[in-house]
C-alpha atoms as a PDB file:
ATOM      1  CA  UNK A   1     294.045  61.998  73.425  1.00  0.00           C
ATOM      2  CA  UNK A   2     293.086  59.847  76.444  1.00  0.00           C
ATOM      3  CA  UNK A   3     295.715  59.320  79.080  1.00  0.00           C
ATOM      4  CA  UNK A   4     297.600  56.085  78.670  1.00  0.00           C
ATOM      5  CA  UNK A   5     297.039  53.758  81.655  1.00  0.00           C
ATOM      6  CA  UNK A   6     299.707  51.522  83.041  1.00  0.00           C
ATOM      7  CA  UNK A   7     299.301  47.877  83.916  1.00  0.00           C
ATOM      8  CA  UNK A   8     299.227  48.757  87.610  1.00  0.00           C
ATOM      9  CA  UNK A   9     296.285  51.086  87.164  1.00  0.00           C
ATOM     10  CA  UNK A  10     294.395  48.502  85.144  1.00  0.00           C
ATOM     11  CA  UNK A  11     295.001  45.728  87.689  1.00  0.00           C
ATOM     12  CA  UNK A  12     294.099  47.844  90.719  1.00  0.00           C
ATOM     13  CA  UNK A  13     290.918  49.296  89.212  1.00  0.00           C
ATOM     14  CA  UNK A  14     288.691  46.656  90.823  1.00  0.00           C
ATOM     15  CA  UNK A  15     290.168  47.255  94.233  1.00  0.00           C
ATOM     16  CA  UNK A  16     289.503  50.968  93.969  1.00  0.00           C
ATOM     17  CA  UNK A  17     285.863  50.285  92.971  1.00  0.00           C
ATOM     18  CA  UNK A  18     285.408  47.928  95.923  1.00  0.00           C
ATOM     19  CA  UNK A  19     286.815  50.493  98.336  1.00  0.00           C
ATOM     20  CA  UNK A  20     284.539  53.242  96.976  1.00  0.00           C
ATOM     21  CA  UNK A  21     281.504  50.954  97.248  1.00  0.00           C
ATOM     22  CA  UNK A  22     282.450  49.991 100.797  1.00  0.00           C
ATOM     23  CA  UNK A  23     282.655  53.637 101.771  1.00  0.00           C
ATOM     24  CA  UNK A  24     279.017  54.229 100.746  1.00  0.00           C
ATOM     25  CA  UNK A  25     276.432  54.354 103.563  1.00  0.00           C
ATOM     26  CA  UNK A  26     274.675  51.016 103.888  1.00  0.00           C
ATOM     27  CA  UNK A  27     271.129  50.551 105.266  1.00  0.00           C
ATOM     28  CA  UNK A  28     271.018  49.424 108.837  1.00  0.00           C
ATOM     29  CA  UNK A  29     268.305  46.794 108.253  1.00  0.00           C
ATOM     30  CA  UNK A  30     266.433  45.419 105.224  1.00  0.00           C
ATOM     31  CA  UNK A  31     262.792  44.546 105.912  1.00  0.00           C
ATOM     32  CA  UNK A  32     260.304  42.802 103.590  1.00  0.00           C
ATOM     33  CA  UNK A  33     256.510  43.085 103.660  1.00  0.00           C
ATOM     34  CA  UNK A  34     255.220  39.497 103.545  1.00  0.00           C
ATOM     35  CA  UNK A  35     251.833  40.521 102.080  1.00  0.00           C
ATOM     36  CA  UNK A  36     253.380  42.466  99.203  1.00  0.00           C
ATOM     37  CA  UNK A  37     255.860  39.674  98.619  1.00  0.00           C
ATOM     38  CA  UNK A  38     253.061  37.085  98.506  1.00  0.00           C
ATOM     39  CA  UNK A  39     250.965  39.257  96.192  1.00  0.00           C
ATOM     40  CA  UNK A  40     253.894  39.713  93.823  1.00  0.00           C
ATOM     41  CA  UNK A  41     254.683  36.003  93.726  1.00  0.00           C
ATOM     42  CA  UNK A  42     251.061  34.892  93.229  1.00  0.00           C
ATOM     43  CA  UNK A  43     249.698  37.755  91.078  1.00  0.00           C
ATOM     44  CA  UNK A  44     251.369  37.153  87.733  1.00  0.00           C
ATOM     45  CA  UNK A  45     248.160  35.971  86.029  1.00  0.00           C
ATOM     46  CA  UNK A  46     246.095  38.758  87.548  1.00  0.00           C
ATOM     47  CA  UNK A  47     248.542  41.411  86.360  1.00  0.00           C
ATOM     48  CA  UNK A  48     248.583  39.815  82.903  1.00  0.00           C
ATOM     49  CA  UNK A  49     244.775  40.050  82.678  1.00  0.00           C
ATOM     50  CA  UNK A  50     244.961  43.650  83.851  1.00  0.00           C
ATOM     51  CA  UNK A  51     247.446  44.496  81.103  1.00  0.00           C
ATOM     52  CA  UNK A  52     245.189  42.816  78.531  1.00  0.00           C
ATOM     53  CA  UNK A  53     242.207  44.838  79.722  1.00  0.00           C
ATOM     54  CA  UNK A  54     244.156  48.105  79.564  1.00  0.00           C
ATOM     55  CA  UNK A  55     245.397  47.282  76.057  1.00  0.00           C
ATOM     56  CA  UNK A  56     241.871  46.406  74.898  1.00  0.00           C
ATOM     57  CA  UNK A  57     240.432  49.649  76.292  1.00  0.00           C
ATOM     58  CA  UNK A  58     243.184  51.634  74.613  1.00  0.00           C
ATOM     59  CA  UNK A  59     242.497  49.911  71.281  1.00  0.00           C
ATOM     60  CA  UNK A  60     238.747  50.606  71.528  1.00  0.00           C
ATOM     61  CA  UNK A  61     239.408  54.274  72.294  1.00  0.00           C
ATOM     62  CA  UNK A  62     241.662  54.505  69.264  1.00  0.00           C
ATOM     63  CA  UNK A  63     239.027  52.936  66.982  1.00  0.00           C
ATOM     64  CA  UNK A  64     236.327  55.209  68.398  1.00  0.00           C
ATOM     65  CA  UNK A  65     238.469  58.282  67.797  1.00  0.00           C
ATOM     66  CA  UNK A  66     239.203  57.130  64.236  1.00  0.00           C
ATOM     67  CA  UNK A  67     235.468  56.756  63.556  1.00  0.00           C
ATOM     68  CA  UNK A  68     234.797  60.233  64.937  1.00  0.00           C
ATOM     69  CA  UNK A  69     237.547  61.732  62.788  1.00  0.00           C
ATOM     70  CA  UNK A  70     236.203  59.960  59.694  1.00  0.00           C
ATOM     71  CA  UNK A  71     232.668  61.239  60.327  1.00  0.00           C
ATOM     72  CA  UNK A  72     233.961  64.762  60.865  1.00  0.00           C
ATOM     73  CA  UNK A  73     235.914  64.572  57.610  1.00  0.00           C
ATOM     74  CA  UNK A  74     232.813  63.387  55.698  1.00  0.00           C
ATOM     75  CA  UNK A  75     230.708  66.184  57.224  1.00  0.00           C
ATOM     76  CA  UNK A  76     233.296  68.776  56.246  1.00  0.00           C
ATOM     77  CA  UNK A  77     233.427  67.464  52.671  1.00  0.00           C
ATOM     78  CA  UNK A  78     229.623  67.532  52.361  1.00  0.00           C
ATOM     79  CA  UNK A  79     229.466  71.028  53.812  1.00  0.00           C
ATOM     80  CA  UNK A  80     232.107  72.231  51.372  1.00  0.00           C
ATOM     81  CA  UNK A  81     230.249  70.658  48.429  1.00  0.00           C
ATOM     82  CA  UNK A  82     226.958  72.284  49.504  1.00  0.00           C
ATOM     83  CA  UNK A  83     228.633  75.669  49.835  1.00  0.00           C
ATOM     84  CA  UNK A  84     230.075  75.338  46.334  1.00  0.00           C
ATOM     85  CA  UNK A  85     226.671  74.387  44.878  1.00  0.00           C
ATOM     86  CA  UNK A  86     224.974  77.311  46.643  1.00  0.00           C
ATOM     87  CA  UNK A  87     227.586  79.680  45.298  1.00  0.00           C
ATOM     88  CA  UNK A  88     227.042  78.382  41.756  1.00  0.00           C
ATOM     89  CA  UNK A  89     223.261  78.769  42.119  1.00  0.00           C
ATOM     90  CA  UNK A  90     223.630  82.328  43.417  1.00  0.00           C
ATOM     91  CA  UNK A  91     225.921  83.237  40.545  1.00  0.00           C
ATOM     92  CA  UNK A  92     223.529  81.771  37.965  1.00  0.00           C
ATOM     93  CA  UNK A  93     220.536  83.536  39.545  1.00  0.00           C
ATOM     94  CA  UNK A  94     222.385  86.846  39.550  1.00  0.00           C
ATOM     95  CA  UNK A  95     223.210  86.406  35.861  1.00  0.00           C
ATOM     96  CA  UNK A  96     219.591  85.497  35.027  1.00  0.00           C
ATOM     97  CA  UNK A  97     218.218  88.461  36.994  1.00  0.00           C
ATOM     98  CA  UNK A  98     220.498  90.887  35.190  1.00  0.00           C
ATOM     99  CA  UNK A  99     219.371  89.489  31.815  1.00  0.00           C
ATOM    100  CA  UNK A 100     215.660  89.419  32.628  1.00  0.00           C
ATOM    101  CA  UNK A 101     215.358  92.940  34.109  1.00  0.00           C
ATOM    102  CA  UNK A 102     214.918  94.455  30.638  1.00  0.00           C
ATOM    103  CA  UNK A 103     212.218  92.018  29.519  1.00  0.00           C
ATOM    104  CA  UNK A 104     210.163  92.018  32.769  1.00  0.00           C
ATOM    105  CA  UNK A 105     208.584  95.418  32.089  1.00  0.00           C
ATOM    106  CA  UNK A 106     207.211  94.269  28.746  1.00  0.00           C
ATOM    107  CA  UNK A 107     205.810  90.995  30.074  1.00  0.00           C
ATOM    108  CA  UNK A 108     203.864  92.396  33.082  1.00  0.00           C
ATOM    109  CA  UNK A 109     200.757  93.190  31.053  1.00  0.00           C
ATOM    110  CA  UNK A 110     200.728  89.756  29.423  1.00  0.00           C
ATOM    111  CA  UNK A 111     200.978  88.041  32.808  1.00  0.00           C
ATOM    112  CA  UNK A 112     198.015  89.997  34.173  1.00  0.00           C
ATOM    113  CA  UNK A 113     195.873  89.000  31.187  1.00  0.00           C
ATOM    114  CA  UNK A 114     196.806  85.328  31.640  1.00  0.00           C
ATOM    115  CA  UNK A 115     195.831  85.473  35.337  1.00  0.00           C
ATOM    116  CA  UNK A 116     192.433  86.925  34.451  1.00  0.00           C
ATOM    117  CA  UNK A 117     191.802  84.236  31.844  1.00  0.00           C
ATOM    118  CA  UNK A 118     192.717  81.449  34.281  1.00  0.00           C
ATOM    119  CA  UNK A 119     190.392  82.904  36.948  1.00  0.00           C
ATOM    120  CA  UNK A 120     187.546  83.027  34.423  1.00  0.00           C
ATOM    121  CA  UNK A 121     188.090  79.403  33.412  1.00  0.00           C
ATOM    122  CA  UNK A 122     187.976  78.344  37.081  1.00  0.00           C
ATOM    123  CA  UNK A 123     184.356  79.507  37.275  1.00  0.00           C
ATOM    124  CA  UNK A 124     183.065  76.541  35.260  1.00  0.00           C
ATOM    125  CA  UNK A 125     179.752  74.938  36.029  1.00  0.00           C
ATOM    126  CA  UNK A 126     179.925  71.553  37.733  1.00  0.00           C
ATOM    127  CA  UNK A 127     177.143  68.999  37.483  1.00  0.00           C
ATOM    128  CA  UNK A 128     177.110  65.853  39.602  1.00  0.00           C
ATOM    129  CA  UNK A 129     175.184  62.716  38.770  1.00  0.00           C
ATOM    130  CA  UNK A 130     174.571  60.385  41.730  1.00  0.00           C
ATOM    131  CA  UNK A 131     173.453  56.776  41.472  1.00  0.00           C
ATOM    132  CA  UNK A 132     172.786  54.831  44.678  1.00  0.00           C
ATOM    133  CA  UNK A 133     172.700  51.047  44.634  1.00  0.00           C
ATOM    134  CA  UNK A 134     171.090  49.890  47.855  1.00  0.00           C
ATOM    135  CA  UNK A 135     171.269  46.204  46.930  1.00  0.00           C
ATOM    136  CA  UNK A 136     173.801  44.604  44.573  1.00  0.00           C
ATOM    137  CA  UNK A 137     171.034  42.359  43.172  1.00  0.00           C
ATOM    138  CA  UNK A 138     169.050  45.348  41.855  1.00  0.00           C
ATOM    139  CA  UNK A 139     171.900  46.539  39.663  1.00  0.00           C
ATOM    140  CA  UNK A 140     170.004  46.073  36.387  1.00  0.00           C
ATOM    141  CA  UNK A 141     166.871  47.857  37.618  1.00  0.00           C
ATOM    142  CA  UNK A 142     168.796  50.857  38.906  1.00  0.00           C
ATOM    143  CA  UNK A 143     170.781  51.001  35.672  1.00  0.00           C
ATOM    144  CA  UNK A 144     167.549  51.230  33.641  1.00  0.00           C
ATOM    145  CA  UNK A 145     166.163  54.027  35.833  1.00  0.00           C
ATOM    146  CA  UNK A 146     169.390  56.046  36.056  1.00  0.00           C
ATOM    147  CA  UNK A 147     168.323  58.524  33.366  1.00  0.00           C
ATOM    148  CA  UNK A 148     165.287  59.653  35.363  1.00  0.00           C
ATOM    149  CA  UNK A 149     167.232  60.107  38.610  1.00  0.00           C
ATOM    150  CA  UNK A 150     169.736  62.670  37.241  1.00  0.00           C
ATOM    151  CA  UNK A 151     169.468  65.984  39.039  1.00  0.00           C
ATOM    152  CA  UNK A 152     171.674  68.857  40.120  1.00  0.00           C
ATOM    153  CA  UNK A 153     173.537  68.363  43.398  1.00  0.00           C
ATOM    154  CA  UNK A 154     173.320  71.154  45.994  1.00  0.00           C
ATOM    155  CA  UNK A 155     175.364  69.572  48.789  1.00  0.00           C
ATOM    156  CA  UNK A 156     174.740  67.167  51.668  1.00  0.00           C
ATOM    157  CA  UNK A 157     172.011  67.662  54.274  1.00  0.00           C
ATOM    158  CA  UNK A 158     172.127  66.607  57.896  1.00  0.00           C
ATOM    159  CA  UNK A 159     169.135  64.302  57.398  1.00  0.00           C
ATOM    160  CA  UNK A 160     170.854  62.542  54.501  1.00  0.00           C
ATOM    161  CA  UNK A 161     173.968  62.002  56.617  1.00  0.00           C
ATOM    162  CA  UNK A 162     171.933  60.423  59.400  1.00  0.00           C
ATOM    163  CA  UNK A 163     169.760  58.207  57.191  1.00  0.00           C
ATOM    164  CA  UNK A 164     172.198  56.983  54.564  1.00  0.00           C
ATOM    165  CA  UNK A 165     174.500  54.090  55.318  1.00  0.00           C
ATOM    166  CA  UNK A 166     178.215  54.220  54.669  1.00  0.00           C
ATOM    167  CA  UNK A 167     179.314  52.379  51.544  1.00  0.00           C
ATOM    168  CA  UNK A 168     182.044  52.069  48.957  1.00  0.00           C
ATOM    169  CA  UNK A 169     182.547  55.277  46.953  1.00  0.00           C
ATOM    170  CA  UNK A 170     183.509  55.066  43.277  1.00  0.00           C
ATOM    171  CA  UNK A 171     184.177  58.376  41.501  1.00  0.00           C
ATOM    172  CA  UNK A 172     184.493  58.912  37.747  1.00  0.00           C
ATOM    173  CA  UNK A 173     185.298  62.356  36.250  1.00  0.00           C
ATOM    174  CA  UNK A 174     184.456  63.272  32.627  1.00  0.00           C
ATOM    175  CA  UNK A 175     185.402  66.683  31.150  1.00  0.00           C
ATOM    176  CA  UNK A 176     183.302  68.135  28.329  1.00  0.00           C
ATOM    177  CA  UNK A 177     183.489  71.402  26.331  1.00  0.00           C
ATOM    178  CA  UNK A 178     180.482  73.755  26.425  1.00  0.00           C
ATOM    179  CA  UNK A 179     179.362  75.241  23.113  1.00  0.00           C
ATOM    180  CA  UNK A 180     177.829  78.490  24.381  1.00  0.00           C
ATOM    181  CA  UNK A 181     180.210  79.733  27.046  1.00  0.00           C
ATOM    182  CA  UNK A 182     183.350  78.253  25.394  1.00  0.00           C
ATOM    183  CA  UNK A 183     184.564  77.145  28.817  1.00  0.00           C
ATOM    184  CA  UNK A 184     185.492  73.778  30.329  1.00  0.00           C
ATOM    185  CA  UNK A 185     182.422  72.232  31.970  1.00  0.00           C
ATOM    186  CA  UNK A 186     183.194  69.394  34.422  1.00  0.00           C
ATOM    187  CA  UNK A 187     180.659  66.568  34.613  1.00  0.00           C
ATOM    188  CA  UNK A 188     181.266  64.206  37.538  1.00  0.00           C
ATOM    189  CA  UNK A 189     179.590  60.815  37.906  1.00  0.00           C
ATOM    190  CA  UNK A 190     179.553  59.350  41.437  1.00  0.00           C
ATOM    191  CA  UNK A 191     178.437  55.779  42.133  1.00  0.00           C
ATOM    192  CA  UNK A 192     177.826  54.648  45.719  1.00  0.00           C
ATOM    193  CA  UNK A 193     177.400  50.945  46.413  1.00  0.00           C
ATOM    194  CA  UNK A 194     176.111  50.003  49.845  1.00  0.00           C
ATOM    195  CA  UNK A 195     177.848  47.228  51.759  1.00  0.00           C
ATOM    196  CA  UNK A 196     175.935  44.007  52.223  1.00  0.00           C
ATOM    197  CA  UNK A 197     174.706  43.536  55.801  1.00  0.00           C
ATOM    198  CA  UNK A 198     175.947  46.996  56.739  1.00  0.00           C
ATOM    199  CA  UNK A 199     173.924  47.016  59.962  1.00  0.00           C
ATOM    200  CA  UNK A 200     175.781  43.965  61.230  1.00  0.00           C
ATOM    201  CA  UNK A 201     179.168  45.619  60.601  1.00  0.00           C
ATOM    202  CA  UNK A 202     178.463  48.828  62.548  1.00  0.00           C
ATOM    203  CA  UNK A 203     179.346  49.477  66.155  1.00  0.00           C
ATOM    204  CA  UNK A 204     177.368  51.326  68.799  1.00  0.00           C
ATOM    205  CA  UNK A 205     178.403  54.806  67.611  1.00  0.00           C
ATOM    206  CA  UNK A 206     177.252  54.193  64.035  1.00  0.00           C
ATOM    207  CA  UNK A 207     180.705  53.681  62.507  1.00  0.00           C
ATOM    208  CA  UNK A 208     182.017  50.592  60.782  1.00  0.00           C
ATOM    209  CA  UNK A 209     183.466  47.963  63.120  1.00  0.00           C
ATOM    210  CA  UNK A 210     186.815  46.855  61.706  1.00  0.00           C
ATOM    211  CA  UNK A 211     186.968  43.804  63.977  1.00  0.00           C
ATOM    212  CA  UNK A 212     183.755  42.393  62.483  1.00  0.00           C
ATOM    213  CA  UNK A 213     184.953  43.006  58.927  1.00  0.00           C
ATOM    214  CA  UNK A 214     188.287  41.370  59.713  1.00  0.00           C
ATOM    215  CA  UNK A 215     186.514  38.383  61.263  1.00  0.00           C
ATOM    216  CA  UNK A 216     184.410  37.920  58.125  1.00  0.00           C
ATOM    217  CA  UNK A 217     187.600  37.948  56.031  1.00  0.00           C
ATOM    218  CA  UNK A 218     189.329  35.457  58.383  1.00  0.00           C
ATOM    219  CA  UNK A 219     191.807  38.087  59.627  1.00  0.00           C
ATOM    220  CA  UNK A 220     192.900  38.458  63.270  1.00  0.00           C
ATOM    221  CA  UNK A 221     193.671  42.085  64.101  1.00  0.00           C
ATOM    222  CA  UNK A 222     195.246  41.072  67.422  1.00  0.00           C
ATOM    223  CA  UNK A 223     198.141  39.492  65.554  1.00  0.00           C
ATOM    224  CA  UNK A 224     198.639  42.394  63.119  1.00  0.00           C
ATOM    225  CA  UNK A 225     201.642  43.841  64.971  1.00  0.00           C
ATOM    226  CA  UNK A 226     203.282  40.426  65.259  1.00  0.00           C
ATOM    227  CA  UNK A 227     202.761  39.729  61.545  1.00  0.00           C
ATOM    228  CA  UNK A 228     204.123  43.180  60.676  1.00  0.00           C
ATOM    229  CA  UNK A 229     207.284  42.610  62.738  1.00  0.00           C
ATOM    230  CA  UNK A 230     207.833  39.186  61.171  1.00  0.00           C
ATOM    231  CA  UNK A 231     207.413  40.621  57.672  1.00  0.00           C
ATOM    232  CA  UNK A 232     209.900  43.415  58.402  1.00  0.00           C
ATOM    233  CA  UNK A 233     212.474  40.927  59.742  1.00  0.00           C
ATOM    234  CA  UNK A 234     211.930  38.661  56.719  1.00  0.00           C
ATOM    235  CA  UNK A 235     212.389  41.624  54.370  1.00  0.00           C
ATOM    236  CA  UNK A 236     215.624  42.608  56.094  1.00  0.00           C
ATOM    237  CA  UNK A 237     217.014  39.078  55.788  1.00  0.00           C
ATOM    238  CA  UNK A 238     216.013  38.894  52.134  1.00  0.00           C
ATOM    239  CA  UNK A 239     217.680  42.254  51.461  1.00  0.00           C
ATOM    240  CA  UNK A 240     220.922  40.944  52.965  1.00  0.00           C
ATOM    241  CA  UNK A 241     220.734  37.697  50.962  1.00  0.00           C
ATOM    242  CA  UNK A 242     219.946  39.487  47.689  1.00  0.00           C
ATOM    243  CA  UNK A 243     222.837  41.895  48.152  1.00  0.00           C
ATOM    244  CA  UNK A 244     220.748  45.069  48.433  1.00  0.00           C
ATOM    245  CA  UNK A 245     222.102  45.649  51.949  1.00  0.00           C
ATOM    246  CA  UNK A 246     225.743  44.761  52.694  1.00  0.00           C
ATOM    247  CA  UNK A 247     226.240  42.187  55.423  1.00  0.00           C
ATOM    248  CA  UNK A 248     227.968  43.470  58.533  1.00  0.00           C
ATOM    249  CA  UNK A 249     231.382  41.832  58.990  1.00  0.00           C
ATOM    250  CA  UNK A 250     231.933  40.002  62.244  1.00  0.00           C
ATOM    251  CA  UNK A 251     234.157  41.811  64.714  1.00  0.00           C
ATOM    252  CA  UNK A 252     237.506  40.096  65.105  1.00  0.00           C
ATOM    253  CA  UNK A 253     238.145  38.989  68.665  1.00  0.00           C
ATOM    254  CA  UNK A 254     241.169  40.618  70.286  1.00  0.00           C
ATOM    255  CA  UNK A 255     243.765  38.266  71.744  1.00  0.00           C
ATOM    256  CA  UNK A 256     247.447  38.184  72.574  1.00  0.00           C
ATOM    257  CA  UNK A 257     249.869  35.975  70.668  1.00  0.00           C
ATOM    258  CA  UNK A 258     251.058  32.862  72.436  1.00  0.00           C
ATOM    259  CA  UNK A 259     254.695  32.202  73.237  1.00  0.00           C
ATOM    260  CA  UNK A 260     255.073  29.770  70.309  1.00  0.00           C
ATOM    261  CA  UNK A 261     253.512  32.265  67.884  1.00  0.00           C
ATOM    262  CA  UNK A 262     255.825  35.048  69.028  1.00  0.00           C
ATOM    263  CA  UNK A 263     258.821  32.728  68.694  1.00  0.00           C
ATOM    264  CA  UNK A 264     257.716  31.683  65.198  1.00  0.00           C
ATOM    265  CA  UNK A 265     257.225  35.311  64.102  1.00  0.00           C
ATOM    266  CA  UNK A 266     260.649  36.277  65.468  1.00  0.00           C
ATOM    267  CA  UNK A 267     262.223  33.359  63.602  1.00  0.00           C
ATOM    268  CA  UNK A 268     260.567  34.491  60.358  1.00  0.00           C
ATOM    269  CA  UNK A 269     261.770  38.075  60.861  1.00  0.00           C
ATOM    270  CA  UNK A 270     265.331  36.886  61.430  1.00  0.00           C
ATOM    271  CA  UNK A 271     265.133  34.824  58.235  1.00  0.00           C
ATOM    272  CA  UNK A 272     263.921  37.838  56.244  1.00  0.00           C
ATOM    273  CA  UNK A 273     266.714  40.014  57.614  1.00  0.00           C
ATOM    274  CA  UNK A 274     269.332  37.361  56.776  1.00  0.00           C
ATOM    275  CA  UNK A 275     268.029  37.123  53.200  1.00  0.00           C
ATOM    276  CA  UNK A 276     268.073  40.901  52.772  1.00  0.00           C
ATOM    277  CA  UNK A 277     271.668  41.100  54.085  1.00  0.00           C
ATOM    278  CA  UNK A 278     272.847  38.279  51.822  1.00  0.00           C
ATOM    279  CA  UNK A 279     271.423  40.056  48.793  1.00  0.00           C
END
């Protein structure tokens, strides 16, 4: 039990404290730095802004770390799922291999025969019919004489490559069955239509000049990149409006609560506590 104090001890307690404080060593002189004093008295706003900046940096670091942790968690989940799928595939392959070992020996001969048959079918004769339309106006005449111009094609010659003009290639493939060889015989019909005024559309090296073709079609190739960028931007905006791409939410601006807001929030908290106590 604590010692019972008398009235004298209680009344003289302050005097004893004063005497003990007086006995302590006191500084000889108290000096103030006027620059530090002035900075303290005039730097309240500056220190407040500094605290806001530190708090904002701390909040950004926290959000960045949360994003990194979330990405790491997603990567780990995907890696785990892939490992599980690979394990299932390996198990199924092992089971299939064990079941198919007995039947592989019997099927080797059949596979070799099928390979030989496919190689024989690949050696089919190919005939190519070529019709050249030098002028679009002479279409009917060339169509009437097409039967006499059919001949076997042995490849392109260097002279043909130098003399012929480049045109639009249309290719049509027709497969027919041969009666004698009982093999698939491929008959290919190729139609080449020359471009009108092809000499005017060629450049110095003999190739087709794209700028001249674009000019005839009222197209400016100089503005192709600009038009492409505008179309990409328009497609992105349309995707956001149609809901295909979610719209990015605007980042909420960080700010401190004002004095009135803090007072109002404290008043609401006190009201909630009073209601909880009364219940």
